[in-house]
Each structure stands twice: as structure tokens, then as C-alpha cells.
Amino acid sequence: MHSFDKDVLTTGEVAKICNVAPRTVSKWFDTGVLKGYRIPGSKDRRIPVSQLMRFMKEHGIPFDGIAGGKTRILIVDDDQEIVDVLSKVLADRTNYEVRTALNGFQAGMEAERFKPHVMLLDIHLGESDARNLANFVRSDEELQMCKIIAMSGKLTDGQLTTLKTQGFDSFLKKPFAVRAAVEAIENATAIVT
């Protein structure tokens, strides 16, 4: 073991610190945004801690990840079964901190307390609940960083596209695979897409 090992991180370690998927870190590395080197004779990438610190400062990534900060996800859907399945699978398969809400009022309270990074929001929550909630999040100064991903099984592609103009960052068409939800979350929280 070399004494400088602890000054160098793997993409997996960087992913945990920055709270993103390892492939996101690989993308940063491959596009040259995050400086590092490959281990000769292998595909493994290594990132010096000093480079990571510089990268995090430049991109405004909070250092709380180094202390184990997790991506906070708020799932809002009035279908208890969907909420249960989604939160269980995300909790099992990812490092996210997950909270849930079954209506707009609950979601508003939870958003204020929990300050989610990403909100998975069923847009058929009552007539105007979802849009009101999206407007509430957009107008709250402390929730400016929150990305809202709309979930719907009923909308046409055209209607889904107009969601972008209504404060939603992206959308998932129900039924979706959990992998699709994780990808949508990763894309929403990635600094470099």
C-alpha cells in the first residue's frame, strides 16, 4: 500500500461524495471537466483529492457530501401502493434519503422540512394540487435547487412536453422501471449532462 493512496479517489468514492452515479463521475472525467488519470493497463480512473476539491468549488457542490450527505427524494402520489413500492426500491437500491407524501398539503409541509433535491410528483394529484405544489416549490427561496419530475400515466407526449413550461424539470411516463426513475433523478441532480 502506498502512502499517497488516501490522496486519490476512485470514481465510486467520488460518486458518493458528490452524490451522483459512478457513471456520472466517469462522464465528468471523460469530458475533462474533472481531472484525474487512468491506471496504466486498466480502465480504472483515479481522481486526486485536490482535483476533486477544486472541481466541487468550481461547480458549487457542497462539501457536506464528504460527511455523507445524501440526495433527498420526496415522492408525492395519492396511490399508496406506488409510493410504497417506489420508496422501498429506491431505499434498497440507492443511497437516497426518501420521504413520501400522499397529497399536496402533506407534500408542501414535507418539502419545507425536508428540503428535497428531487421531487417525484404525480401530476394527477387532485385537480390543481400538482401545479400549485410546483408553483409553491418554484417560489420558495429555500427550494430553488429542488428539481421536479412529473409522473403520469395519462398524458400524451405533447402534454408532457408542455409540463416543461410549467416548472417541471422532466417527466416519467407510468408505468416506468425503477431504473428509469433512478436515471431521471441522476440526470436531474447531475451538474454536467
Protein backbone atom coordinates (compact mmCIF):
# COMPACT_ATOMS: atom_id res chain seq x y z
CA MET A 1 0.00 0.00 0.00
CA HIS A 2 1.36 3.40 -0.99
CA SER A 3 1.20 6.30 1.40
CA PHE A 4 -0.40 8.51 -1.30
CA ASP A 5 -3.37 6.15 -1.79
CA LYS A 6 -5.58 8.15 0.51
CA ASP A 7 -4.97 11.29 -1.55
CA VAL A 8 -6.51 9.63 -4.59
CA LEU A 9 -10.10 8.50 -5.03
CA THR A 10 -11.92 6.01 -7.25
CA THR A 11 -14.90 7.11 -9.35
CA GLY A 12 -17.12 5.22 -6.88
CA GLU A 13 -15.77 7.22 -3.94
CA VAL A 14 -16.14 10.49 -5.85
CA ALA A 15 -19.72 9.48 -6.75
CA LYS A 16 -20.57 9.02 -3.07
CA ILE A 17 -19.01 12.35 -2.11
CA CYS A 18 -20.77 14.26 -4.89
CA ASN A 19 -23.96 12.28 -4.52
CA VAL A 20 -24.20 11.11 -8.13
CA ALA A 21 -23.99 7.81 -10.01
CA PRO A 22 -20.48 6.47 -10.72
CA ARG A 23 -21.17 6.74 -14.46
CA THR A 24 -21.81 10.48 -13.99
CA VAL A 25 -18.32 10.77 -12.48
CA SER A 26 -16.91 8.79 -15.42
CA LYS A 27 -18.63 11.23 -17.77
CA TRP A 28 -17.08 14.23 -15.95
CA PHE A 29 -13.71 12.50 -16.14
CA ASP A 30 -14.01 11.54 -19.83
CA THR A 31 -15.08 15.04 -20.87
CA GLY A 32 -12.15 16.51 -18.96
CA VAL A 33 -14.28 18.51 -16.50
CA LEU A 34 -12.84 16.51 -13.62
CA LYS A 35 -9.10 15.96 -13.83
CA GLY A 36 -7.51 12.65 -12.97
CA TYR A 37 -5.67 9.76 -14.58
CA ARG A 38 -6.20 6.17 -15.63
CA ILE A 39 -4.30 3.33 -14.03
CA PRO A 40 -1.89 2.00 -16.68
CA GLY A 41 -3.12 -1.22 -18.24
CA SER A 42 -6.67 -0.87 -16.92
CA LYS A 43 -9.78 1.21 -17.46
CA ASP A 44 -9.88 2.33 -13.83
CA ARG A 45 -9.87 6.06 -13.28
CA ARG A 46 -8.35 7.81 -10.27
CA ILE A 47 -9.09 11.34 -9.11
CA PRO A 48 -6.69 13.18 -6.81
CA VAL A 49 -8.47 14.70 -3.79
CA SER A 50 -7.03 18.12 -4.66
CA GLN A 51 -8.66 17.97 -8.12
CA LEU A 52 -11.97 16.90 -6.63
CA MET A 53 -11.91 19.80 -4.16
CA ARG A 54 -11.20 22.26 -6.99
CA PHE A 55 -14.00 20.72 -9.10
CA MET A 56 -16.52 20.91 -6.23
CA LYS A 57 -15.66 24.57 -5.55
CA GLU A 58 -15.96 25.49 -9.24
CA HIS A 59 -19.36 23.82 -9.57
CA GLY A 60 -20.73 24.87 -6.20
CA ILE A 61 -21.10 21.31 -4.92
CA PRO A 62 -21.49 21.46 -1.15
CA PHE A 63 -18.80 19.65 0.78
CA ASP A 64 -21.40 18.06 3.05
CA GLY A 65 -21.21 15.02 0.77
CA ILE A 66 -17.79 14.34 2.24
CA ALA A 67 -19.53 13.97 5.58
CA GLY A 68 -22.03 11.61 3.97
CA GLY A 69 -24.78 13.93 2.72
CA LYS A 70 -27.39 12.01 0.71
CA THR A 71 -29.61 13.02 -2.16
CA ARG A 72 -33.04 13.74 -0.68
CA ILE A 73 -36.03 12.49 -2.67
CA LEU A 74 -39.66 13.34 -1.98
CA ILE A 75 -42.23 11.06 -3.64
CA VAL A 76 -45.69 12.60 -3.97
CA ASP A 77 -48.51 10.37 -5.21
CA ASP A 78 -52.02 9.68 -3.92
CA ASP A 79 -51.63 6.00 -4.76
CA GLN A 80 -50.27 4.41 -1.58
CA GLU A 81 -49.09 1.32 -3.44
CA ILE A 82 -46.95 3.32 -5.89
CA VAL A 83 -45.49 5.37 -3.04
CA ASP A 84 -44.66 2.23 -1.04
CA VAL A 85 -43.08 0.32 -3.92
CA LEU A 86 -41.08 3.28 -5.22
CA SER A 87 -39.77 4.33 -1.81
CA LYS A 88 -38.86 0.77 -0.85
CA VAL A 89 -37.00 0.07 -4.09
CA LEU A 90 -35.17 3.42 -4.03
CA ALA A 91 -34.20 2.85 -0.39
CA ASP A 92 -32.95 -0.67 -1.21
CA ARG A 93 -31.06 0.11 -4.39
CA THR A 94 -29.70 3.60 -3.89
CA ASN A 95 -28.12 5.79 -1.29
CA TYR A 96 -31.01 8.29 -1.40
CA GLU A 97 -32.86 9.54 1.62
CA VAL A 98 -36.53 9.08 0.70
CA ARG A 99 -39.67 10.67 2.15
CA THR A 100 -43.22 10.39 0.86
CA ALA A 101 -46.46 12.38 0.80
CA LEU A 102 -49.95 11.39 -0.35
CA ASN A 103 -51.36 14.83 -1.13
CA GLY A 104 -50.34 18.38 -1.99
CA PHE A 105 -50.74 19.71 1.53
CA GLN A 106 -48.59 16.96 3.05
CA ALA A 107 -46.05 17.42 0.26
CA GLY A 108 -45.82 21.17 0.90
CA MET A 109 -45.16 20.59 4.61
CA GLU A 110 -42.65 17.83 3.87
CA ALA A 111 -40.85 19.94 1.24
CA GLU A 112 -40.43 22.79 3.75
CA ARG A 113 -38.99 20.49 6.41
CA PHE A 114 -37.05 18.02 4.28
CA LYS A 115 -35.77 20.36 1.52
CA PRO A 116 -35.65 17.62 -1.15
CA HIS A 117 -33.17 17.76 -4.02
CA VAL A 118 -35.70 15.99 -6.24
CA MET A 119 -39.47 15.69 -6.04
CA LEU A 120 -41.20 12.86 -7.93
CA LEU A 121 -44.67 14.31 -8.35
CA ASP A 122 -47.77 12.58 -9.70
CA ILE A 123 -49.43 15.32 -11.72
CA HIS A 124 -52.91 13.88 -11.26
CA LEU A 125 -52.97 14.75 -7.56
CA GLY A 126 -56.39 16.33 -7.34
CA GLU A 127 -57.28 18.93 -9.97
CA SER A 128 -54.75 21.64 -9.31
CA ASP A 129 -52.70 20.21 -6.46
CA ALA A 130 -49.68 19.26 -8.56
CA ARG A 131 -49.41 22.61 -10.35
CA ASN A 132 -49.94 24.51 -7.12
CA LEU A 133 -47.24 22.43 -5.50
CA ALA A 134 -44.85 23.02 -8.42
CA ASN A 135 -45.51 26.78 -8.17
CA PHE A 136 -45.02 26.69 -4.41
CA VAL A 137 -41.64 24.94 -4.77
CA ARG A 138 -40.55 27.33 -7.54
CA SER A 139 -41.43 30.39 -5.46
CA ASP A 140 -39.83 29.20 -2.21
CA GLU A 141 -36.32 30.58 -1.90
CA GLU A 142 -35.07 27.61 0.12
CA LEU A 143 -36.29 25.14 -2.51
CA GLN A 144 -34.69 26.75 -5.55
CA MET A 145 -32.39 23.77 -6.06
CA CYS A 146 -35.25 21.25 -5.99
CA LYS A 147 -35.88 19.52 -9.31
CA ILE A 148 -39.43 18.39 -10.00
CA ILE A 149 -40.02 15.25 -12.04
CA ALA A 150 -43.64 14.79 -13.12
CA MET A 151 -45.11 11.29 -13.09
CA SER A 152 -48.11 10.45 -15.26
CA GLY A 153 -49.69 7.51 -17.00
CA LYS A 154 -52.37 9.50 -18.78
CA LEU A 155 -50.73 12.35 -20.65
CA THR A 156 -49.86 12.44 -24.32
CA ASP A 157 -46.30 13.27 -25.37
CA GLY A 158 -47.48 16.74 -26.37
CA GLN A 159 -48.97 17.40 -22.95
CA LEU A 160 -45.85 16.05 -21.28
CA THR A 161 -43.72 18.46 -23.29
CA THR A 162 -45.77 21.44 -22.10
CA LEU A 163 -45.01 20.44 -18.49
CA LYS A 164 -41.51 21.82 -19.03
CA THR A 165 -43.04 25.29 -19.33
CA GLN A 166 -44.96 24.81 -16.09
CA GLY A 167 -41.99 24.43 -13.77
CA PHE A 168 -41.35 20.70 -14.14
CA ASP A 169 -37.78 19.65 -14.93
CA SER A 170 -38.59 16.33 -16.55
CA PHE A 171 -41.20 13.60 -16.55
CA LEU A 172 -41.66 9.86 -16.19
CA LYS A 173 -44.42 8.05 -18.03
CA LYS A 174 -46.14 5.44 -15.85
CA PRO A 175 -45.60 2.59 -15.61
CA PHE A 176 -41.84 3.07 -15.52
CA ALA A 177 -38.96 0.84 -14.49
CA VAL A 178 -37.19 1.80 -11.28
CA ARG A 179 -34.04 2.19 -13.34
CA ALA A 180 -35.82 4.94 -15.31
CA ALA A 181 -36.69 6.73 -12.06
CA VAL A 182 -33.09 6.48 -10.84
CA GLU A 183 -31.82 7.77 -14.20
CA ALA A 184 -34.28 10.68 -14.11
CA ILE A 185 -33.10 11.53 -10.58
CA GLU A 186 -29.42 11.25 -11.57
CA ASN A 187 -29.99 13.42 -14.63
CA ALA A 188 -31.86 16.00 -12.57
CA THR A 189 -29.09 16.20 -9.99
CA ALA A 190 -26.13 15.93 -12.39
CA ILE A 191 -24.10 19.08 -12.82
CA VAL A 192 -22.85 18.15 -16.24
CA THR A 193 -25.37 16.47 -18.52
